[in-house]
Amino acid sequence: PPRSTLFPYTTLFRSQDRISYDNEFILIIENFIKKHPDFSFKNAKGIIFFTGENGILGYNTSHKNTGNKFESKKVSAVIKKLKNLNWKFGSNNYCYSSENSLNDLEFAKQLNLWNQEIKSIIGDTILYAYPYGIHDEKSISKQEILLSSEFKIFFENSMQNELKKYGNMIKINRKEINGKTLRNNVSELSKLFDCSNVYDFQNRFVDFNINS
C-alpha cells in the first residue's frame, strides 16, 4: 500500500541547510563590532574555552567517532577563520567535570585526551578555565599536571576583581553572567552595565528584583 495509507497523519519534511548570521554569539559579536568598532579594544574578541568529550564547534572530533579525522579537518577551517578574526582559545579540560570528582590519574587522562584531540586542532594555548569556575587550592598535584601541559593563566569564577601571581602562573577571576547573577549581583556588575537594562524580562521565568 502507499505510504499515505500506512501513515495517514504523518507529514514528511526534507531537511535543508539554514544559514543565519544572528543566532549564535560569535556572529552576533562580530556584527555588533562592525557597527560599533570602538567596543573592541585593539580588535580584541573573546576566549572560547573548549572541552572535547563531545567534539568542538558542532564537529564530532572525539576518538569514539570513526570519522573523527574528517571532522577534525572540517573544523580546522573554522578555527583558522576564528584566529584570523582575533578570537583566542583555551581549555576546559576534556570533560566538564569538577576537579574533586576525579582522582589524579583520571584527571591526567582527561587532560591527555584534550591535548591529543583538541590542542592538535586549535594549537598551543596557555589559558585554562577550571570547570564550573572552581579550583580546589588543596589540589596541588592536579595543578602540577596542568602546569606540565604548559598552562600558565587560570580562570576561576568570582564577582571579586582579583588577579593573583604565583611564580610563573597567574590566576584571574572572571564574572559569570547569566540570569541568576544578573538578579543577585546587581552592585558587583554595576561597573560593567545596569543589570535591569540587560535582563530579559520577557522570556525569564524568575522575576528580577530591582533591590537585590
C-alpha atoms as a PDB file:
ATOM      1  CA  PRO A   1       0.000   0.000   0.000  1.00  0.00           C
ATOM      2  CA  PRO A   2       1.140   3.594  -0.499  1.00  0.00           C
ATOM      3  CA  ARG A   3       2.885   5.340   2.407  1.00  0.00           C
ATOM      4  CA  SER A   4      -0.019   7.752   2.874  1.00  0.00           C
ATOM      5  CA  THR A   5      -2.247   4.772   3.703  1.00  0.00           C
ATOM      6  CA  LEU A   6       0.146   3.375   6.290  1.00  0.00           C
ATOM      7  CA  PHE A   7       0.875   6.768   7.892  1.00  0.00           C
ATOM      8  CA  PRO A   8      -2.135   8.970   7.099  1.00  0.00           C
ATOM      9  CA  TYR A   9      -1.240  11.601   9.686  1.00  0.00           C
ATOM     10  CA  THR A  10       2.496  11.820   9.027  1.00  0.00           C
ATOM     11  CA  THR A  11       3.968  14.742   7.149  1.00  0.00           C
ATOM     12  CA  LEU A  12       7.481  14.224   5.862  1.00  0.00           C
ATOM     13  CA  PHE A  13       9.866  17.190   5.846  1.00  0.00           C
ATOM     14  CA  ARG A  14      13.004  17.385   3.774  1.00  0.00           C
ATOM     15  CA  SER A  15      15.922  18.643   5.849  1.00  0.00           C
ATOM     16  CA  GLN A  16      17.858  21.551   4.461  1.00  0.00           C
ATOM     17  CA  ASP A  17      20.760  23.753   5.469  1.00  0.00           C
ATOM     18  CA  ARG A  18      19.875  27.055   7.038  1.00  0.00           C
ATOM     19  CA  ILE A  19      22.388  29.886   7.130  1.00  0.00           C
ATOM     20  CA  SER A  20      21.877  32.647   9.677  1.00  0.00           C
ATOM     21  CA  TYR A  21      24.091  35.461  10.899  1.00  0.00           C
ATOM     22  CA  ASP A  22      22.364  36.276  14.158  1.00  0.00           C
ATOM     23  CA  ASN A  23      21.662  33.045  16.019  1.00  0.00           C
ATOM     24  CA  GLU A  24      24.880  32.413  17.954  1.00  0.00           C
ATOM     25  CA  PHE A  25      27.327  34.515  19.925  1.00  0.00           C
ATOM     26  CA  ILE A  26      30.328  34.681  17.578  1.00  0.00           C
ATOM     27  CA  LEU A  27      28.442  36.226  14.676  1.00  0.00           C
ATOM     28  CA  ILE A  28      26.350  38.393  16.988  1.00  0.00           C
ATOM     29  CA  ILE A  29      29.537  39.894  18.434  1.00  0.00           C
ATOM     30  CA  GLU A  30      31.218  40.208  15.032  1.00  0.00           C
ATOM     31  CA  ASN A  31      28.224  42.050  13.600  1.00  0.00           C
ATOM     32  CA  PHE A  32      27.981  44.288  16.672  1.00  0.00           C
ATOM     33  CA  ILE A  33      31.658  45.274  16.419  1.00  0.00           C
ATOM     34  CA  LYS A  34      31.228  46.164  12.754  1.00  0.00           C
ATOM     35  CA  LYS A  35      28.595  48.666  13.794  1.00  0.00           C
ATOM     36  CA  HIS A  36      30.439  49.767  16.954  1.00  0.00           C
ATOM     37  CA  PRO A  37      34.193  49.416  16.304  1.00  0.00           C
ATOM     38  CA  ASP A  38      35.044  51.337  19.479  1.00  0.00           C
ATOM     39  CA  PHE A  39      33.569  48.447  21.502  1.00  0.00           C
ATOM     40  CA  SER A  40      36.613  46.264  20.883  1.00  0.00           C
ATOM     41  CA  PHE A  41      39.966  47.486  22.268  1.00  0.00           C
ATOM     42  CA  LYS A  42      42.706  46.764  19.718  1.00  0.00           C
ATOM     43  CA  ASN A  43      40.325  44.412  17.898  1.00  0.00           C
ATOM     44  CA  ALA A  44      40.116  42.145  20.938  1.00  0.00           C
ATOM     45  CA  LYS A  45      37.468  39.420  20.800  1.00  0.00           C
ATOM     46  CA  GLY A  46      36.688  36.662  23.279  1.00  0.00           C
ATOM     47  CA  ILE A  47      38.263  33.487  24.594  1.00  0.00           C
ATOM     48  CA  ILE A  48      36.487  30.263  23.692  1.00  0.00           C
ATOM     49  CA  PHE A  49      37.217  27.528  26.228  1.00  0.00           C
ATOM     50  CA  PHE A  50      36.807  24.073  24.730  1.00  0.00           C
ATOM     51  CA  THR A  51      36.050  20.726  26.276  1.00  0.00           C
ATOM     52  CA  GLY A  52      36.442  17.766  23.913  1.00  0.00           C
ATOM     53  CA  GLU A  53      34.241  14.892  25.005  1.00  0.00           C
ATOM     54  CA  ASN A  54      31.533  15.866  22.504  1.00  0.00           C
ATOM     55  CA  GLY A  55      33.802  17.459  19.921  1.00  0.00           C
ATOM     56  CA  ILE A  56      34.095  21.203  19.280  1.00  0.00           C
ATOM     57  CA  LEU A  57      32.004  23.782  17.425  1.00  0.00           C
ATOM     58  CA  GLY A  58      29.485  21.149  16.385  1.00  0.00           C
ATOM     59  CA  TYR A  59      32.056  18.774  14.858  1.00  0.00           C
ATOM     60  CA  ASN A  60      32.439  15.302  16.358  1.00  0.00           C
ATOM     61  CA  THR A  61      36.210  15.144  16.815  1.00  0.00           C
ATOM     62  CA  SER A  62      36.030  12.562  19.600  1.00  0.00           C
ATOM     63  CA  HIS A  63      38.159   9.432  19.324  1.00  0.00           C
ATOM     64  CA  LYS A  64      34.921   7.459  19.757  1.00  0.00           C
ATOM     65  CA  ASN A  65      33.771   8.672  16.342  1.00  0.00           C
ATOM     66  CA  THR A  66      35.188   6.624  13.469  1.00  0.00           C
ATOM     67  CA  GLY A  67      35.023   9.702  11.244  1.00  0.00           C
ATOM     68  CA  ASN A  68      36.848  11.959  13.680  1.00  0.00           C
ATOM     69  CA  LYS A  69      39.762  12.683  11.304  1.00  0.00           C
ATOM     70  CA  PHE A  70      37.339  14.010   8.688  1.00  0.00           C
ATOM     71  CA  GLU A  71      35.523  16.084  11.339  1.00  0.00           C
ATOM     72  CA  SER A  72      38.823  17.453  12.642  1.00  0.00           C
ATOM     73  CA  LYS A  73      39.793  18.541   9.155  1.00  0.00           C
ATOM     74  CA  LYS A  74      36.492  20.370   8.670  1.00  0.00           C
ATOM     75  CA  VAL A  75      36.611  22.187  11.999  1.00  0.00           C
ATOM     76  CA  SER A  76      40.229  23.212  11.393  1.00  0.00           C
ATOM     77  CA  ALA A  77      38.997  25.590   8.693  1.00  0.00           C
ATOM     78  CA  VAL A  78      36.605  27.186  11.199  1.00  0.00           C
ATOM     79  CA  ILE A  79      39.376  27.521  13.770  1.00  0.00           C
ATOM     80  CA  LYS A  80      41.615  29.196  11.198  1.00  0.00           C
ATOM     81  CA  LYS A  81      38.889  31.718  10.387  1.00  0.00           C
ATOM     82  CA  LEU A  82      38.298  32.485  14.061  1.00  0.00           C
ATOM     83  CA  LYS A  83      42.014  33.015  14.621  1.00  0.00           C
ATOM     84  CA  ASN A  84      42.073  35.466  11.717  1.00  0.00           C
ATOM     85  CA  LEU A  85      39.220  37.324  13.440  1.00  0.00           C
ATOM     86  CA  ASN A  86      41.362  37.502  16.595  1.00  0.00           C
ATOM     87  CA  TRP A  87      39.450  35.025  18.769  1.00  0.00           C
ATOM     88  CA  LYS A  88      41.512  33.182  21.392  1.00  0.00           C
ATOM     89  CA  PHE A  89      41.172  29.619  22.637  1.00  0.00           C
ATOM     90  CA  GLY A  90      41.613  27.872  25.962  1.00  0.00           C
ATOM     91  CA  SER A  91      40.905  24.587  27.710  1.00  0.00           C
ATOM     92  CA  ASN A  92      38.033  23.497  29.959  1.00  0.00           C
ATOM     93  CA  ASN A  93      39.616  20.040  30.145  1.00  0.00           C
ATOM     94  CA  TYR A  94      38.238  17.139  28.098  1.00  0.00           C
ATOM     95  CA  CYS A  95      35.091  16.505  30.108  1.00  0.00           C
ATOM     96  CA  TYR A  96      33.420  19.227  32.120  1.00  0.00           C
ATOM     97  CA  SER A  97      33.994  17.561  35.473  1.00  0.00           C
ATOM     98  CA  SER A  98      34.924  19.267  38.729  1.00  0.00           C
ATOM     99  CA  GLU A  99      38.426  18.603  39.991  1.00  0.00           C
ATOM    100  CA  ASN A 100      37.161  16.920  43.137  1.00  0.00           C
ATOM    101  CA  SER A 101      35.210  14.344  41.113  1.00  0.00           C
ATOM    102  CA  LEU A 102      38.413  12.991  39.514  1.00  0.00           C
ATOM    103  CA  ASN A 103      41.460  11.411  41.085  1.00  0.00           C
ATOM    104  CA  ASP A 104      44.892  12.432  39.815  1.00  0.00           C
ATOM    105  CA  LEU A 105      45.115   9.585  37.287  1.00  0.00           C
ATOM    106  CA  GLU A 106      41.647  10.277  35.868  1.00  0.00           C
ATOM    107  CA  PHE A 107      42.429  13.981  35.711  1.00  0.00           C
ATOM    108  CA  ALA A 108      45.690  13.340  33.830  1.00  0.00           C
ATOM    109  CA  LYS A 109      43.925  11.023  31.374  1.00  0.00           C
ATOM    110  CA  GLN A 110      41.277  13.652  30.646  1.00  0.00           C
ATOM    111  CA  LEU A 111      43.905  16.311  30.044  1.00  0.00           C
ATOM    112  CA  ASN A 112      45.884  13.956  27.821  1.00  0.00           C
ATOM    113  CA  LEU A 113      42.789  13.364  25.672  1.00  0.00           C
ATOM    114  CA  TRP A 114      42.281  17.118  25.394  1.00  0.00           C
ATOM    115  CA  ASN A 115      45.875  17.588  24.258  1.00  0.00           C
ATOM    116  CA  GLN A 116      45.557  14.815  21.682  1.00  0.00           C
ATOM    117  CA  GLU A 117      42.170  15.722  20.215  1.00  0.00           C
ATOM    118  CA  ILE A 118      41.689  19.457  20.784  1.00  0.00           C
ATOM    119  CA  LYS A 119      45.123  21.007  21.158  1.00  0.00           C
ATOM    120  CA  SER A 120      46.133  19.259  17.949  1.00  0.00           C
ATOM    121  CA  ILE A 121      43.387  21.275  16.205  1.00  0.00           C
ATOM    122  CA  ILE A 122      43.474  24.681  17.900  1.00  0.00           C
ATOM    123  CA  GLY A 123      47.214  24.867  18.563  1.00  0.00           C
ATOM    124  CA  ASP A 124      49.096  25.793  21.730  1.00  0.00           C
ATOM    125  CA  THR A 125      47.359  27.715  24.484  1.00  0.00           C
ATOM    126  CA  ILE A 126      48.342  28.815  27.977  1.00  0.00           C
ATOM    127  CA  LEU A 127      44.725  29.526  29.019  1.00  0.00           C
ATOM    128  CA  TYR A 128      42.800  27.153  31.280  1.00  0.00           C
ATOM    129  CA  ALA A 129      39.375  27.692  32.859  1.00  0.00           C
ATOM    130  CA  TYR A 130      38.534  25.412  35.757  1.00  0.00           C
ATOM    131  CA  PRO A 131      35.281  23.511  35.136  1.00  0.00           C
ATOM    132  CA  TYR A 132      32.434  25.269  36.961  1.00  0.00           C
ATOM    133  CA  GLY A 133      34.980  28.000  37.712  1.00  0.00           C
ATOM    134  CA  ILE A 134      36.021  26.166  40.872  1.00  0.00           C
ATOM    135  CA  HIS A 135      39.563  25.240  41.842  1.00  0.00           C
ATOM    136  CA  ASP A 136      40.478  23.349  44.981  1.00  0.00           C
ATOM    137  CA  GLU A 137      43.555  25.059  46.403  1.00  0.00           C
ATOM    138  CA  LYS A 138      44.473  21.750  48.029  1.00  0.00           C
ATOM    139  CA  SER A 139      44.706  20.026  44.618  1.00  0.00           C
ATOM    140  CA  ILE A 140      48.404  20.746  44.291  1.00  0.00           C
ATOM    141  CA  SER A 141      49.071  17.609  42.265  1.00  0.00           C
ATOM    142  CA  LYS A 142      46.374  18.470  39.710  1.00  0.00           C
ATOM    143  CA  GLN A 143      47.754  21.981  39.377  1.00  0.00           C
ATOM    144  CA  GLU A 144      51.186  20.487  38.695  1.00  0.00           C
ATOM    145  CA  ILE A 145      49.642  18.348  35.952  1.00  0.00           C
ATOM    146  CA  LEU A 146      48.177  21.481  34.367  1.00  0.00           C
ATOM    147  CA  LEU A 147      51.479  23.319  34.573  1.00  0.00           C
ATOM    148  CA  SER A 148      53.234  20.373  32.905  1.00  0.00           C
ATOM    149  CA  SER A 149      50.894  20.894  29.923  1.00  0.00           C
ATOM    150  CA  GLU A 150      52.159  24.500  29.587  1.00  0.00           C
ATOM    151  CA  PHE A 151      49.068  26.225  31.010  1.00  0.00           C
ATOM    152  CA  LYS A 152      50.034  29.454  32.745  1.00  0.00           C
ATOM    153  CA  ILE A 153      46.900  31.607  33.060  1.00  0.00           C
ATOM    154  CA  PHE A 154      43.987  30.127  35.014  1.00  0.00           C
ATOM    155  CA  PHE A 155      40.412  31.362  35.351  1.00  0.00           C
ATOM    156  CA  GLU A 156      38.071  30.972  38.318  1.00  0.00           C
ATOM    157  CA  ASN A 157      34.507  32.281  38.657  1.00  0.00           C
ATOM    158  CA  SER A 158      34.004  35.086  41.157  1.00  0.00           C
ATOM    159  CA  MET A 159      32.417  38.506  41.363  1.00  0.00           C
ATOM    160  CA  GLN A 160      35.558  39.825  43.051  1.00  0.00           C
ATOM    161  CA  ASN A 161      38.191  41.598  40.967  1.00  0.00           C
ATOM    162  CA  GLU A 162      41.292  39.624  41.801  1.00  0.00           C
ATOM    163  CA  LEU A 163      44.473  38.724  39.982  1.00  0.00           C
ATOM    164  CA  LYS A 164      46.968  36.506  41.766  1.00  0.00           C
ATOM    165  CA  LYS A 165      50.512  35.715  40.701  1.00  0.00           C
ATOM    166  CA  TYR A 166      52.219  32.518  41.803  1.00  0.00           C
ATOM    167  CA  GLY A 167      55.693  32.192  40.335  1.00  0.00           C
ATOM    168  CA  ASN A 168      55.239  31.731  36.586  1.00  0.00           C
ATOM    169  CA  MET A 169      51.443  31.374  36.680  1.00  0.00           C
ATOM    170  CA  ILE A 170      48.519  33.757  37.077  1.00  0.00           C
ATOM    171  CA  LYS A 171      45.003  33.192  38.427  1.00  0.00           C
ATOM    172  CA  ILE A 172      42.232  35.542  37.303  1.00  0.00           C
ATOM    173  CA  ASN A 173      38.630  35.805  38.464  1.00  0.00           C
ATOM    174  CA  ARG A 174      36.047  36.069  35.718  1.00  0.00           C
ATOM    175  CA  LYS A 175      32.484  37.184  36.280  1.00  0.00           C
ATOM    176  CA  GLU A 176      29.878  34.602  35.347  1.00  0.00           C
ATOM    177  CA  ILE A 177      26.965  36.413  33.710  1.00  0.00           C
ATOM    178  CA  ASN A 178      23.628  34.610  33.465  1.00  0.00           C
ATOM    179  CA  GLY A 179      20.076  35.103  34.657  1.00  0.00           C
ATOM    180  CA  LYS A 180      20.917  34.257  38.264  1.00  0.00           C
ATOM    181  CA  THR A 181      23.931  36.554  38.531  1.00  0.00           C
ATOM    182  CA  LEU A 182      22.049  39.388  36.806  1.00  0.00           C
ATOM    183  CA  ARG A 183      19.395  39.093  39.519  1.00  0.00           C
ATOM    184  CA  ASN A 184      21.672  38.582  42.501  1.00  0.00           C
ATOM    185  CA  ASN A 185      24.794  40.607  41.722  1.00  0.00           C
ATOM    186  CA  VAL A 186      23.488  43.995  40.646  1.00  0.00           C
ATOM    187  CA  SER A 187      26.046  46.008  42.605  1.00  0.00           C
ATOM    188  CA  GLU A 188      29.014  43.833  41.598  1.00  0.00           C
ATOM    189  CA  LEU A 189      28.128  44.126  37.912  1.00  0.00           C
ATOM    190  CA  SER A 190      27.196  47.811  38.025  1.00  0.00           C
ATOM    191  CA  LYS A 191      30.677  48.852  36.862  1.00  0.00           C
ATOM    192  CA  LEU A 192      30.046  46.935  33.643  1.00  0.00           C
ATOM    193  CA  PHE A 193      26.377  47.677  32.961  1.00  0.00           C
ATOM    194  CA  ASP A 194      22.968  48.194  34.511  1.00  0.00           C
ATOM    195  CA  CYS A 195      21.572  44.694  35.097  1.00  0.00           C
ATOM    196  CA  SER A 196      17.980  45.885  34.765  1.00  0.00           C
ATOM    197  CA  ASN A 197      18.742  47.063  31.226  1.00  0.00           C
ATOM    198  CA  VAL A 198      20.232  43.696  30.265  1.00  0.00           C
ATOM    199  CA  TYR A 199      17.826  41.292  31.938  1.00  0.00           C
ATOM    200  CA  ASP A 200      15.393  39.542  29.579  1.00  0.00           C
ATOM    201  CA  PHE A 201      12.107  40.308  31.326  1.00  0.00           C
ATOM    202  CA  GLN A 202      10.031  38.856  28.516  1.00  0.00           C
ATOM    203  CA  ASN A 203      11.497  35.346  28.461  1.00  0.00           C
ATOM    204  CA  ARG A 204      12.834  34.847  32.011  1.00  0.00           C
ATOM    205  CA  PHE A 205      10.581  32.895  34.378  1.00  0.00           C
ATOM    206  CA  VAL A 206      12.161  34.349  37.525  1.00  0.00           C
ATOM    207  CA  ASP A 207      11.339  37.953  38.338  1.00  0.00           C
ATOM    208  CA  PHE A 208      14.126  40.496  38.516  1.00  0.00           C
ATOM    209  CA  ASN A 209      14.442  42.042  41.964  1.00  0.00           C
ATOM    210  CA  ILE A 210      15.484  45.621  41.402  1.00  0.00           C
ATOM    211  CA  ASN A 211      16.518  45.866  45.086  1.00  0.00           C
ATOM    212  CA  SER A 212      18.734  42.760  45.087  1.00  0.00           C
END
